[in-house]
Amino acid sequence: STPSLNDATMRVARIDIAAIALLAVAAV
């Protein structure tokens, strides 16, 4: 929801997307 974040911050976001997907599988 924040425009113009740098590439490093967006890399962290992409890692968190993968991690939250794994966490969702663990939750199931």
mmCIF file of all heavy atoms, coordinates in Angstrom:
data_MODEL
# 
_entry.id   MODEL 
# 
loop_
_atom_site.group_PDB 
_atom_site.id 
_atom_site.type_symbol 
_atom_site.label_atom_id 
_atom_site.label_alt_id 
_atom_site.label_comp_id 
_atom_site.label_asym_id 
_atom_site.label_entity_id 
_atom_site.label_seq_id 
_atom_site.pdbx_PDB_ins_code 
_atom_site.Cartn_x 
_atom_site.Cartn_y 
_atom_site.Cartn_z 
_atom_site.occupancy 
_atom_site.B_iso_or_equiv 
_atom_site.pdbx_formal_charge 
_atom_site.auth_seq_id 
_atom_site.auth_comp_id 
_atom_site.auth_asym_id 
_atom_site.auth_atom_id 
_atom_site.pdbx_PDB_model_num 
ATOM 1   N N   . SER A 1 1  ? 0.824  -1.210  0.000  1.00 0.00 ? 1  SER A N   1 
ATOM 2   C CA  . SER A 1 1  ? 0.000  0.000   0.000  1.00 0.00 ? 1  SER A CA  1 
ATOM 3   C C   . SER A 1 1  ? 0.861  1.265   0.000  1.00 0.00 ? 1  SER A C   1 
ATOM 4   O O   . SER A 1 1  ? 0.339  2.370   0.078  1.00 0.00 ? 1  SER A O   1 
ATOM 5   C CB  . SER A 1 1  ? -0.941 0.001   1.214  1.00 0.00 ? 1  SER A CB  1 
ATOM 6   O OG  . SER A 1 1  ? -0.198 0.088   2.419  1.00 0.00 ? 1  SER A OG  1 
ATOM 7   N N   . THR A 1 2  ? 2.172  1.080   -0.107 1.00 0.00 ? 2  THR A N   1 
ATOM 8   C CA  . THR A 1 2  ? 3.104  2.209   -0.128 1.00 0.00 ? 2  THR A CA  1 
ATOM 9   C C   . THR A 1 2  ? 3.784  2.253   -1.491 1.00 0.00 ? 2  THR A C   1 
ATOM 10  O O   . THR A 1 2  ? 4.493  1.323   -1.860 1.00 0.00 ? 2  THR A O   1 
ATOM 11  C CB  . THR A 1 2  ? 4.170  2.053   0.979  1.00 0.00 ? 2  THR A CB  1 
ATOM 12  O OG1 . THR A 1 2  ? 3.504  1.909   2.236  1.00 0.00 ? 2  THR A OG1 1 
ATOM 13  C CG2 . THR A 1 2  ? 5.096  3.254   1.015  1.00 0.00 ? 2  THR A CG2 1 
ATOM 14  N N   . PRO A 1 3  ? 3.585  3.342   -2.230 1.00 0.00 ? 3  PRO A N   1 
ATOM 15  C CA  . PRO A 1 3  ? 4.215  3.430   -3.557 1.00 0.00 ? 3  PRO A CA  1 
ATOM 16  C C   . PRO A 1 3  ? 5.709  3.710   -3.469 1.00 0.00 ? 3  PRO A C   1 
ATOM 17  O O   . PRO A 1 3  ? 6.205  4.225   -2.466 1.00 0.00 ? 3  PRO A O   1 
ATOM 18  C CB  . PRO A 1 3  ? 3.483  4.605   -4.212 1.00 0.00 ? 3  PRO A CB  1 
ATOM 19  C CG  . PRO A 1 3  ? 2.946  5.419   -3.087 1.00 0.00 ? 3  PRO A CG  1 
ATOM 20  C CD  . PRO A 1 3  ? 2.726  4.484   -1.931 1.00 0.00 ? 3  PRO A CD  1 
ATOM 21  N N   . SER A 1 4  ? 6.401  3.326   -4.503 1.00 0.00 ? 4  SER A N   1 
ATOM 22  C CA  . SER A 1 4  ? 7.816  3.691   -4.720 1.00 0.00 ? 4  SER A CA  1 
ATOM 23  C C   . SER A 1 4  ? 8.790  3.106   -3.701 1.00 0.00 ? 4  SER A C   1 
ATOM 24  O O   . SER A 1 4  ? 9.775  3.763   -3.354 1.00 0.00 ? 4  SER A O   1 
ATOM 25  C CB  . SER A 1 4  ? 7.975  5.209   -4.767 1.00 0.00 ? 4  SER A CB  1 
ATOM 26  O OG  . SER A 1 4  ? 7.124  5.764   -5.739 1.00 0.00 ? 4  SER A OG  1 
ATOM 27  N N   . LEU A 1 5  ? 8.541  1.906   -3.234 1.00 0.00 ? 5  LEU A N   1 
ATOM 28  C CA  . LEU A 1 5  ? 9.521  1.270   -2.358 1.00 0.00 ? 5  LEU A CA  1 
ATOM 29  C C   . LEU A 1 5  ? 10.705 0.785   -3.193 1.00 0.00 ? 5  LEU A C   1 
ATOM 30  O O   . LEU A 1 5  ? 10.553 0.455   -4.364 1.00 0.00 ? 5  LEU A O   1 
ATOM 31  C CB  . LEU A 1 5  ? 8.891  0.097   -1.604 1.00 0.00 ? 5  LEU A CB  1 
ATOM 32  C CG  . LEU A 1 5  ? 7.803  0.473   -0.602 1.00 0.00 ? 5  LEU A CG  1 
ATOM 33  C CD1 . LEU A 1 5  ? 7.208  -0.777  0.025  1.00 0.00 ? 5  LEU A CD1 1 
ATOM 34  C CD2 . LEU A 1 5  ? 8.339  1.403   0.472  1.00 0.00 ? 5  LEU A CD2 1 
ATOM 35  N N   . ASN A 1 6  ? 11.871 0.711   -2.559 1.00 0.00 ? 6  ASN A N   1 
ATOM 36  C CA  . ASN A 1 6  ? 13.058 0.294   -3.307 1.00 0.00 ? 6  ASN A CA  1 
ATOM 37  C C   . ASN A 1 6  ? 13.054 -1.212  -3.575 1.00 0.00 ? 6  ASN A C   1 
ATOM 38  O O   . ASN A 1 6  ? 12.235 -1.964  -3.027 1.00 0.00 ? 6  ASN A O   1 
ATOM 39  C CB  . ASN A 1 6  ? 14.343 0.763   -2.604 1.00 0.00 ? 6  ASN A CB  1 
ATOM 40  C CG  . ASN A 1 6  ? 14.615 0.028   -1.302 1.00 0.00 ? 6  ASN A CG  1 
ATOM 41  O OD1 . ASN A 1 6  ? 14.279 -1.135  -1.147 1.00 0.00 ? 6  ASN A OD1 1 
ATOM 42  N ND2 . ASN A 1 6  ? 15.241 0.708   -0.363 1.00 0.00 ? 6  ASN A ND2 1 
ATOM 43  N N   . ASP A 1 7  ? 13.964 -1.640  -4.430 1.00 0.00 ? 7  ASP A N   1 
ATOM 44  C CA  . ASP A 1 7  ? 14.028 -3.057  -4.834 1.00 0.00 ? 7  ASP A CA  1 
ATOM 45  C C   . ASP A 1 7  ? 14.302 -3.976  -3.656 1.00 0.00 ? 7  ASP A C   1 
ATOM 46  O O   . ASP A 1 7  ? 13.762 -5.083  -3.590 1.00 0.00 ? 7  ASP A O   1 
ATOM 47  C CB  . ASP A 1 7  ? 15.102 -3.249  -5.905 1.00 0.00 ? 7  ASP A CB  1 
ATOM 48  C CG  . ASP A 1 7  ? 14.707 -2.634  -7.236 1.00 0.00 ? 7  ASP A CG  1 
ATOM 49  O OD1 . ASP A 1 7  ? 13.500 -2.414  -7.456 1.00 0.00 ? 7  ASP A OD1 1 
ATOM 50  O OD2 . ASP A 1 7  ? 15.610 -2.366  -8.053 1.00 0.00 ? 7  ASP A OD2 1 
ATOM 51  N N   . ALA A 1 8  ? 15.142 -3.550  -2.721 1.00 0.00 ? 8  ALA A N   1 
ATOM 52  C CA  . ALA A 1 8  ? 15.471 -4.396  -1.572 1.00 0.00 ? 8  ALA A CA  1 
ATOM 53  C C   . ALA A 1 8  ? 14.241 -4.630  -0.699 1.00 0.00 ? 8  ALA A C   1 
ATOM 54  O O   . ALA A 1 8  ? 14.001 -5.753  -0.242 1.00 0.00 ? 8  ALA A O   1 
ATOM 55  C CB  . ALA A 1 8  ? 16.601 -3.768  -0.757 1.00 0.00 ? 8  ALA A CB  1 
ATOM 56  N N   . THR A 1 9  ? 13.444 -3.603  -0.476 1.00 0.00 ? 9  THR A N   1 
ATOM 57  C CA  . THR A 1 9  ? 12.235 -3.761  0.330  1.00 0.00 ? 9  THR A CA  1 
ATOM 58  C C   . THR A 1 9  ? 11.230 -4.658  -0.386 1.00 0.00 ? 9  THR A C   1 
ATOM 59  O O   . THR A 1 9  ? 10.588 -5.513  0.239  1.00 0.00 ? 9  THR A O   1 
ATOM 60  C CB  . THR A 1 9  ? 11.609 -2.394  0.644  1.00 0.00 ? 9  THR A CB  1 
ATOM 61  O OG1 . THR A 1 9  ? 12.583 -1.598  1.329  1.00 0.00 ? 9  THR A OG1 1 
ATOM 62  C CG2 . THR A 1 9  ? 10.375 -2.532  1.507  1.00 0.00 ? 9  THR A CG2 1 
ATOM 63  N N   . MET A 1 10 ? 11.111 -4.509  -1.693 1.00 0.00 ? 10 MET A N   1 
ATOM 64  C CA  . MET A 1 10 ? 10.198 -5.372  -2.441 1.00 0.00 ? 10 MET A CA  1 
ATOM 65  C C   . MET A 1 10 ? 10.705 -6.818  -2.477 1.00 0.00 ? 10 MET A C   1 
ATOM 66  O O   . MET A 1 10 ? 9.897  -7.747  -2.519 1.00 0.00 ? 10 MET A O   1 
ATOM 67  C CB  . MET A 1 10 ? 9.973  -4.812  -3.849 1.00 0.00 ? 10 MET A CB  1 
ATOM 68  C CG  . MET A 1 10 ? 9.225  -3.472  -3.847 1.00 0.00 ? 10 MET A CG  1 
ATOM 69  S SD  . MET A 1 10 ? 7.750  -3.422  -2.788 1.00 0.00 ? 10 MET A SD  1 
ATOM 70  C CE  . MET A 1 10 ? 6.703  -4.603  -3.606 1.00 0.00 ? 10 MET A CE  1 
ATOM 71  N N   . ARG A 1 11 ? 12.013 -7.010  -2.437 1.00 0.00 ? 11 ARG A N   1 
ATOM 72  C CA  . ARG A 1 11 ? 12.562 -8.365  -2.335 1.00 0.00 ? 11 ARG A CA  1 
ATOM 73  C C   . ARG A 1 11 ? 12.131 -8.986  -1.005 1.00 0.00 ? 11 ARG A C   1 
ATOM 74  O O   . ARG A 1 11 ? 11.711 -10.147 -0.944 1.00 0.00 ? 11 ARG A O   1 
ATOM 75  C CB  . ARG A 1 11 ? 14.089 -8.336  -2.447 1.00 0.00 ? 11 ARG A CB  1 
ATOM 76  C CG  . ARG A 1 11 ? 14.734 -9.701  -2.248 1.00 0.00 ? 11 ARG A CG  1 
ATOM 77  C CD  . ARG A 1 11 ? 16.257 -9.640  -2.407 1.00 0.00 ? 11 ARG A CD  1 
ATOM 78  N NE  . ARG A 1 11 ? 16.888 -8.461  -1.870 1.00 0.00 ? 11 ARG A NE  1 
ATOM 79  C CZ  . ARG A 1 11 ? 17.345 -8.343  -0.611 1.00 0.00 ? 11 ARG A CZ  1 
ATOM 80  N NH1 . ARG A 1 11 ? 17.238 -9.338  0.227  1.00 0.00 ? 11 ARG A NH1 1 
ATOM 81  N NH2 . ARG A 1 11 ? 17.913 -7.223  -0.211 1.00 0.00 ? 11 ARG A NH2 1 
ATOM 82  N N   . VAL A 1 12 ? 12.197 -8.204  0.069  1.00 0.00 ? 12 VAL A N   1 
ATOM 83  C CA  . VAL A 1 12 ? 11.740 -8.682  1.377  1.00 0.00 ? 12 VAL A CA  1 
ATOM 84  C C   . VAL A 1 12 ? 10.257 -9.043  1.301  1.00 0.00 ? 12 VAL A C   1 
ATOM 85  O O   . VAL A 1 12 ? 9.835  -10.077 1.826  1.00 0.00 ? 12 VAL A O   1 
ATOM 86  C CB  . VAL A 1 12 ? 12.007 -7.625  2.477  1.00 0.00 ? 12 VAL A CB  1 
ATOM 87  C CG1 . VAL A 1 12 ? 11.363 -8.030  3.793  1.00 0.00 ? 12 VAL A CG1 1 
ATOM 88  C CG2 . VAL A 1 12 ? 13.506 -7.401  2.657  1.00 0.00 ? 12 VAL A CG2 1 
ATOM 89  N N   . ALA A 1 13 ? 9.473  -8.221  0.628  1.00 0.00 ? 13 ALA A N   1 
ATOM 90  C CA  . ALA A 1 13 ? 8.033  -8.502  0.492  1.00 0.00 ? 13 ALA A CA  1 
ATOM 91  C C   . ALA A 1 13 ? 7.798  -9.809  -0.270 1.00 0.00 ? 13 ALA A C   1 
ATOM 92  O O   . ALA A 1 13 ? 6.944  -10.614 0.121  1.00 0.00 ? 13 ALA A O   1 
ATOM 93  C CB  . ALA A 1 13 ? 7.333  -7.333  -0.210 1.00 0.00 ? 13 ALA A CB  1 
ATOM 94  N N   . ARG A 1 14 ? 8.550  -10.033 -1.334 1.00 0.00 ? 14 ARG A N   1 
ATOM 95  C CA  . ARG A 1 14 ? 8.386  -11.281 -2.099 1.00 0.00 ? 14 ARG A CA  1 
ATOM 96  C C   . ARG A 1 14 ? 8.771  -12.496 -1.254 1.00 0.00 ? 14 ARG A C   1 
ATOM 97  O O   . ARG A 1 14 ? 8.115  -13.545 -1.328 1.00 0.00 ? 14 ARG A O   1 
ATOM 98  C CB  . ARG A 1 14 ? 9.197  -11.223 -3.391 1.00 0.00 ? 14 ARG A CB  1 
ATOM 99  C CG  . ARG A 1 14 ? 8.582  -10.294 -4.437 1.00 0.00 ? 14 ARG A CG  1 
ATOM 100 C CD  . ARG A 1 14 ? 9.267  -10.409 -5.790 1.00 0.00 ? 14 ARG A CD  1 
ATOM 101 N NE  . ARG A 1 14 ? 10.687 -10.069 -5.754 1.00 0.00 ? 14 ARG A NE  1 
ATOM 102 C CZ  . ARG A 1 14 ? 11.179 -8.835  -5.827 1.00 0.00 ? 14 ARG A CZ  1 
ATOM 103 N NH1 . ARG A 1 14 ? 10.355 -7.810  -5.941 1.00 0.00 ? 14 ARG A NH1 1 
ATOM 104 N NH2 . ARG A 1 14 ? 12.476 -8.632  -5.803 1.00 0.00 ? 14 ARG A NH2 1 
ATOM 105 N N   . ILE A 1 15 ? 9.812  -12.369 -0.455 1.00 0.00 ? 15 ILE A N   1 
ATOM 106 C CA  . ILE A 1 15 ? 10.204 -13.460 0.449  1.00 0.00 ? 15 ILE A CA  1 
ATOM 107 C C   . ILE A 1 15 ? 9.081  -13.718 1.450  1.00 0.00 ? 15 ILE A C   1 
ATOM 108 O O   . ILE A 1 15 ? 8.737  -14.872 1.735  1.00 0.00 ? 15 ILE A O   1 
ATOM 109 C CB  . ILE A 1 15 ? 11.538 -13.139 1.156  1.00 0.00 ? 15 ILE A CB  1 
ATOM 110 C CG1 . ILE A 1 15 ? 12.687 -13.163 0.139  1.00 0.00 ? 15 ILE A CG1 1 
ATOM 111 C CG2 . ILE A 1 15 ? 11.800 -14.110 2.304  1.00 0.00 ? 15 ILE A CG2 1 
ATOM 112 C CD1 . ILE A 1 15 ? 13.989 -12.578 0.657  1.00 0.00 ? 15 ILE A CD1 1 
ATOM 113 N N   . ASP A 1 16 ? 8.482  -12.646 1.972  1.00 0.00 ? 16 ASP A N   1 
ATOM 114 C CA  . ASP A 1 16 ? 7.386  -12.814 2.924  1.00 0.00 ? 16 ASP A CA  1 
ATOM 115 C C   . ASP A 1 16 ? 6.155  -13.450 2.275  1.00 0.00 ? 16 ASP A C   1 
ATOM 116 O O   . ASP A 1 16 ? 5.427  -14.188 2.929  1.00 0.00 ? 16 ASP A O   1 
ATOM 117 C CB  . ASP A 1 16 ? 7.025  -11.480 3.566  1.00 0.00 ? 16 ASP A CB  1 
ATOM 118 C CG  . ASP A 1 16 ? 7.875  -11.175 4.793  1.00 0.00 ? 16 ASP A CG  1 
ATOM 119 O OD1 . ASP A 1 16 ? 8.853  -11.902 5.040  1.00 0.00 ? 16 ASP A OD1 1 
ATOM 120 O OD2 . ASP A 1 16 ? 7.551  -10.207 5.503  1.00 0.00 ? 16 ASP A OD2 1 
ATOM 121 N N   . ILE A 1 17 ? 5.909  -13.165 1.012  1.00 0.00 ? 17 ILE A N   1 
ATOM 122 C CA  . ILE A 1 17 ? 4.793  -13.816 0.311  1.00 0.00 ? 17 ILE A CA  1 
ATOM 123 C C   . ILE A 1 17 ? 5.016  -15.327 0.294  1.00 0.00 ? 17 ILE A C   1 
ATOM 124 O O   . ILE A 1 17 ? 4.103  -16.111 0.596  1.00 0.00 ? 17 ILE A O   1 
ATOM 125 C CB  . ILE A 1 17 ? 4.624  -13.262 -1.114 1.00 0.00 ? 17 ILE A CB  1 
ATOM 126 C CG1 . ILE A 1 17 ? 4.068  -11.845 -1.070 1.00 0.00 ? 17 ILE A CG1 1 
ATOM 127 C CG2 . ILE A 1 17 ? 3.708  -14.171 -1.947 1.00 0.00 ? 17 ILE A CG2 1 
ATOM 128 C CD1 . ILE A 1 17 ? 4.086  -11.128 -2.404 1.00 0.00 ? 17 ILE A CD1 1 
ATOM 129 N N   . ALA A 1 18 ? 6.226  -15.738 -0.058 1.00 0.00 ? 18 ALA A N   1 
ATOM 130 C CA  . ALA A 1 18 ? 6.537  -17.168 -0.071 1.00 0.00 ? 18 ALA A CA  1 
ATOM 131 C C   . ALA A 1 18 ? 6.423  -17.762 1.330  1.00 0.00 ? 18 ALA A C   1 
ATOM 132 O O   . ALA A 1 18 ? 5.852  -18.845 1.523  1.00 0.00 ? 18 ALA A O   1 
ATOM 133 C CB  . ALA A 1 18 ? 7.936  -17.394 -0.650 1.00 0.00 ? 18 ALA A CB  1 
ATOM 134 N N   . ALA A 1 19 ? 6.944  -17.045 2.320  1.00 0.00 ? 19 ALA A N   1 
ATOM 135 C CA  . ALA A 1 19 ? 6.920  -17.551 3.696  1.00 0.00 ? 19 ALA A CA  1 
ATOM 136 C C   . ALA A 1 19 ? 5.492  -17.651 4.228  1.00 0.00 ? 19 ALA A C   1 
ATOM 137 O O   . ALA A 1 19 ? 5.144  -18.620 4.908  1.00 0.00 ? 19 ALA A O   1 
ATOM 138 C CB  . ALA A 1 19 ? 7.771  -16.669 4.599  1.00 0.00 ? 19 ALA A CB  1 
ATOM 139 N N   . ILE A 1 20 ? 4.661  -16.671 3.908  1.00 0.00 ? 20 ILE A N   1 
ATOM 140 C CA  . ILE A 1 20 ? 3.280  -16.714 4.401  1.00 0.00 ? 20 ILE A CA  1 
ATOM 141 C C   . ILE A 1 20 ? 2.496  -17.827 3.697  1.00 0.00 ? 20 ILE A C   1 
ATOM 142 O O   . ILE A 1 20 ? 1.602  -18.430 4.292  1.00 0.00 ? 20 ILE A O   1 
ATOM 143 C CB  . ILE A 1 20 ? 2.592  -15.334 4.313  1.00 0.00 ? 20 ILE A CB  1 
ATOM 144 C CG1 . ILE A 1 20 ? 1.545  -15.206 5.418  1.00 0.00 ? 20 ILE A CG1 1 
ATOM 145 C CG2 . ILE A 1 20 ? 1.999  -15.077 2.958  1.00 0.00 ? 20 ILE A CG2 1 
ATOM 146 C CD1 . ILE A 1 20 ? 1.060  -13.803 5.670  1.00 0.00 ? 20 ILE A CD1 1 
ATOM 147 N N   . ALA A 1 21 ? 2.857  -18.129 2.468  1.00 0.00 ? 21 ALA A N   1 
ATOM 148 C CA  . ALA A 1 21 ? 2.221  -19.261 1.779  1.00 0.00 ? 21 ALA A CA  1 
ATOM 149 C C   . ALA A 1 21 ? 2.598  -20.574 2.478  1.00 0.00 ? 21 ALA A C   1 
ATOM 150 O O   . ALA A 1 21 ? 1.743  -21.442 2.688  1.00 0.00 ? 21 ALA A O   1 
ATOM 151 C CB  . ALA A 1 21 ? 2.637  -19.290 0.313  1.00 0.00 ? 21 ALA A CB  1 
ATOM 152 N N   . LEU A 1 22 ? 3.875  -20.709 2.837  1.00 0.00 ? 22 LEU A N   1 
ATOM 153 C CA  . LEU A 1 22 ? 4.305  -21.907 3.573  1.00 0.00 ? 22 LEU A CA  1 
ATOM 154 C C   . LEU A 1 22 ? 3.620  -21.974 4.937  1.00 0.00 ? 22 LEU A C   1 
ATOM 155 O O   . LEU A 1 22 ? 3.213  -23.057 5.393  1.00 0.00 ? 22 LEU A O   1 
ATOM 156 C CB  . LEU A 1 22 ? 5.821  -21.911 3.746  1.00 0.00 ? 22 LEU A CB  1 
ATOM 157 C CG  . LEU A 1 22 ? 6.644  -22.015 2.464  1.00 0.00 ? 22 LEU A CG  1 
ATOM 158 C CD1 . LEU A 1 22 ? 8.133  -21.919 2.779  1.00 0.00 ? 22 LEU A CD1 1 
ATOM 159 C CD2 . LEU A 1 22 ? 6.327  -23.300 1.723  1.00 0.00 ? 22 LEU A CD2 1 
ATOM 160 N N   . LEU A 1 23 ? 3.479  -20.820 5.573  1.00 0.00 ? 23 LEU A N   1 
ATOM 161 C CA  . LEU A 1 23 ? 2.807  -20.773 6.870  1.00 0.00 ? 23 LEU A CA  1 
ATOM 162 C C   . LEU A 1 23 ? 1.334  -21.168 6.732  1.00 0.00 ? 23 LEU A C   1 
ATOM 163 O O   . LEU A 1 23 ? 0.786  -21.841 7.609  1.00 0.00 ? 23 LEU A O   1 
ATOM 164 C CB  . LEU A 1 23 ? 2.938  -19.366 7.467  1.00 0.00 ? 23 LEU A CB  1 
ATOM 165 C CG  . LEU A 1 23 ? 2.646  -19.232 8.950  1.00 0.00 ? 23 LEU A CG  1 
ATOM 166 C CD1 . LEU A 1 23 ? 3.632  -20.032 9.788  1.00 0.00 ? 23 LEU A CD1 1 
ATOM 167 C CD2 . LEU A 1 23 ? 2.689  -17.767 9.353  1.00 0.00 ? 23 LEU A CD2 1 
ATOM 168 N N   . ALA A 1 24 ? 0.718  -20.790 5.632  1.00 0.00 ? 24 ALA A N   1 
ATOM 169 C CA  . ALA A 1 24 ? -0.675 -21.181 5.382  1.00 0.00 ? 24 ALA A CA  1 
ATOM 170 C C   . ALA A 1 24 ? -0.804 -22.694 5.238  1.00 0.00 ? 24 ALA A C   1 
ATOM 171 O O   . ALA A 1 24 ? -1.756 -23.297 5.757  1.00 0.00 ? 24 ALA A O   1 
ATOM 172 C CB  . ALA A 1 24 ? -1.210 -20.464 4.146  1.00 0.00 ? 24 ALA A CB  1 
ATOM 173 N N   . VAL A 1 25 ? 0.146  -23.312 4.551  1.00 0.00 ? 25 VAL A N   1 
ATOM 174 C CA  . VAL A 1 25 ? 0.136  -24.775 4.434  1.00 0.00 ? 25 VAL A CA  1 
ATOM 175 C C   . VAL A 1 25 ? 0.292  -25.400 5.819  1.00 0.00 ? 25 VAL A C   1 
ATOM 176 O O   . VAL A 1 25 ? -0.426 -26.352 6.170  1.00 0.00 ? 25 VAL A O   1 
ATOM 177 C CB  . VAL A 1 25 ? 1.246  -25.264 3.474  1.00 0.00 ? 25 VAL A CB  1 
ATOM 178 C CG1 . VAL A 1 25 ? 1.357  -26.778 3.488  1.00 0.00 ? 25 VAL A CG1 1 
ATOM 179 C CG2 . VAL A 1 25 ? 0.996  -24.752 2.059  1.00 0.00 ? 25 VAL A CG2 1 
ATOM 180 N N   . ALA A 1 26 ? 1.210  -24.864 6.615  1.00 0.00 ? 26 ALA A N   1 
ATOM 181 C CA  . ALA A 1 26 ? 1.391  -25.370 7.978  1.00 0.00 ? 26 ALA A CA  1 
ATOM 182 C C   . ALA A 1 26 ? 0.100  -25.208 8.788  1.00 0.00 ? 26 ALA A C   1 
ATOM 183 O O   . ALA A 1 26 ? -0.277 -26.106 9.544  1.00 0.00 ? 26 ALA A O   1 
ATOM 184 C CB  . ALA A 1 26 ? 2.549  -24.645 8.665  1.00 0.00 ? 26 ALA A CB  1 
ATOM 185 N N   . ALA A 1 27 ? -0.584 -24.073 8.610  1.00 0.00 ? 27 ALA A N   1 
ATOM 186 C CA  . ALA A 1 27 ? -1.835 -23.840 9.341  1.00 0.00 ? 27 ALA A CA  1 
ATOM 187 C C   . ALA A 1 27 ? -2.892 -24.883 8.975  1.00 0.00 ? 27 ALA A C   1 
ATOM 188 O O   . ALA A 1 27 ? -3.594 -25.383 9.857  1.00 0.00 ? 27 ALA A O   1 
ATOM 189 C CB  . ALA A 1 27 ? -2.345 -22.425 9.040  1.00 0.00 ? 27 ALA A CB  1 
ATOM 190 N N   . VAL A 1 28 ? -2.982 -25.197 7.696  1.00 0.00 ? 28 VAL A N   1 
ATOM 191 C CA  . VAL A 1 28 ? -3.947 -26.229 7.265  1.00 0.00 ? 28 VAL A CA  1 
ATOM 192 C C   . VAL A 1 28 ? -3.600 -27.571 7.898  1.00 0.00 ? 28 VAL A C   1 
ATOM 193 O O   . VAL A 1 28 ? -4.479 -28.285 8.397  1.00 0.00 ? 28 VAL A O   1 
ATOM 194 C CB  . VAL A 1 28 ? -3.996 -26.311 5.724  1.00 0.00 ? 28 VAL A CB  1 
ATOM 195 C CG1 . VAL A 1 28 ? -4.754 -27.541 5.270  1.00 0.00 ? 28 VAL A CG1 1 
ATOM 196 C CG2 . VAL A 1 28 ? -4.602 -25.051 5.137  1.00 0.00 ? 28 VAL A CG2 1 
# 
